[in-house]
Amino acid sequence: MEEEISLSCDDALNYVKNNVNTYDTIEISFNRIYLPGEVLDIDIEEKGEIESLNLMMQLNGELVNDTIQLDLVKIKDDILEIRHKQDEKSIVITVEA
């Protein structure tokens, strides 16, 4: 089952913070970059609002199978789409400008 929703960039970060868990599959599209992978760790720093939201991911690419760390707060204005897969459920978040 796939669900599509549209969120602002801040609401998309809150979605990731509250709903994405370790070992979920997440696909992030920003600028001209597409990063599909498995979430290995989530590190959130908050003082009122989210200051940093770091995802440690194992990429699932054909050419690149590497572990990366990505701070979503730094790229939040460039995020176009986030696809979150958890068990048999899939949510596609279109980020509004």
Protein backbone atom coordinates (compact mmCIF):
# COMPACT_ATOMS: atom_id res chain seq x y z
CA MET A 1 0.00 0.00 0.00
CA GLU A 2 1.39 3.40 -1.01
CA GLU A 3 0.22 6.72 0.35
CA GLU A 4 1.16 10.15 -1.03
CA ILE A 5 1.26 13.32 1.03
CA SER A 6 2.57 16.87 0.50
CA LEU A 7 4.38 18.61 3.35
CA SER A 8 6.49 21.71 3.91
CA CYS A 9 10.21 21.09 4.41
CA ASP A 10 9.90 21.56 8.20
CA ASP A 11 6.94 19.18 8.40
CA ALA A 12 8.88 16.64 6.32
CA LEU A 13 11.74 16.79 8.84
CA ASN A 14 9.26 16.30 11.67
CA TYR A 15 7.82 13.29 9.81
CA VAL A 16 11.31 11.74 9.54
CA LYS A 17 12.02 12.50 13.21
CA ASN A 18 8.77 10.94 14.44
CA ASN A 19 8.20 8.05 11.99
CA VAL A 20 11.46 6.77 10.52
CA ASN A 21 13.14 4.01 12.50
CA THR A 22 16.39 2.11 12.28
CA TYR A 23 16.37 -0.48 9.46
CA ASP A 24 13.58 1.27 7.54
CA THR A 25 14.16 1.91 3.86
CA ILE A 26 14.23 5.54 2.83
CA GLU A 27 14.78 7.18 -0.54
CA ILE A 28 15.65 10.88 -0.57
CA SER A 29 15.66 13.07 -3.69
CA PHE A 30 17.26 16.50 -3.41
CA ASN A 31 18.79 18.82 -5.99
CA ARG A 32 19.85 16.29 -8.64
CA ILE A 33 20.76 13.57 -6.15
CA TYR A 34 18.83 10.38 -5.41
CA LEU A 35 19.83 8.41 -2.30
CA PRO A 36 18.11 5.06 -1.71
CA GLY A 37 19.17 3.15 1.36
CA GLU A 38 18.55 1.55 4.70
CA VAL A 39 18.57 3.70 7.84
CA LEU A 40 21.30 2.52 10.22
CA ASP A 41 21.01 5.28 12.82
CA ILE A 42 19.17 8.53 13.48
CA ASP A 43 20.76 11.33 15.54
CA ILE A 44 18.59 14.30 16.47
CA GLU A 45 19.83 17.46 18.18
CA GLU A 46 17.13 19.78 19.47
CA LYS A 47 17.01 23.00 21.43
CA GLY A 48 13.45 24.13 20.78
CA GLU A 49 13.41 23.38 17.07
CA ILE A 50 15.40 20.72 15.24
CA GLU A 51 19.03 21.86 14.87
CA SER A 52 20.34 18.74 13.19
CA LEU A 53 18.76 15.54 11.94
CA ASN A 54 21.52 13.14 10.90
CA LEU A 55 20.70 9.91 9.12
CA MET A 56 23.34 7.21 8.87
CA MET A 57 22.41 5.22 5.76
CA GLN A 58 23.67 2.15 3.92
CA LEU A 59 23.15 3.04 0.26
CA ASN A 60 21.50 0.50 -2.06
CA GLY A 61 23.02 1.69 -5.33
CA GLU A 62 24.37 -0.47 -8.14
CA LEU A 63 27.57 1.56 -8.40
CA VAL A 64 27.84 2.87 -4.85
CA ASN A 65 27.13 0.67 -1.83
CA ASP A 66 28.55 2.80 0.93
CA THR A 67 27.60 4.10 4.35
CA ILE A 68 26.94 7.82 4.49
CA GLN A 69 25.80 10.37 7.04
CA LEU A 70 23.35 13.00 5.85
CA ASP A 71 22.14 16.05 7.83
CA LEU A 72 18.62 16.71 6.58
CA VAL A 73 18.48 20.14 8.25
CA LYS A 74 21.34 21.38 6.03
CA ILE A 75 19.60 20.26 2.83
CA LYS A 76 15.96 20.77 3.88
CA ASP A 77 15.29 23.54 1.32
CA ASP A 78 16.61 21.33 -1.50
CA ILE A 79 14.62 18.17 -0.68
CA LEU A 80 12.11 17.31 -3.40
CA GLU A 81 10.76 13.94 -2.28
CA ILE A 82 11.15 11.38 0.49
CA ARG A 83 9.91 7.81 0.09
CA HIS A 84 9.65 5.90 3.38
CA LYS A 85 9.13 2.14 3.33
CA GLN A 86 8.33 0.35 6.55
CA ASP A 87 7.24 -3.29 6.48
CA GLU A 88 4.67 -3.42 3.63
CA LYS A 89 3.67 0.25 3.94
CA SER A 90 5.11 2.96 1.69
CA ILE A 91 4.67 6.72 2.07
CA VAL A 92 5.76 9.21 -0.58
CA ILE A 93 6.28 12.73 0.75
CA THR A 94 6.38 15.51 -1.82
CA VAL A 95 8.10 18.52 -0.28
CA GLU A 96 6.51 21.85 -1.13
CA ALA A 97 8.72 24.88 -1.73
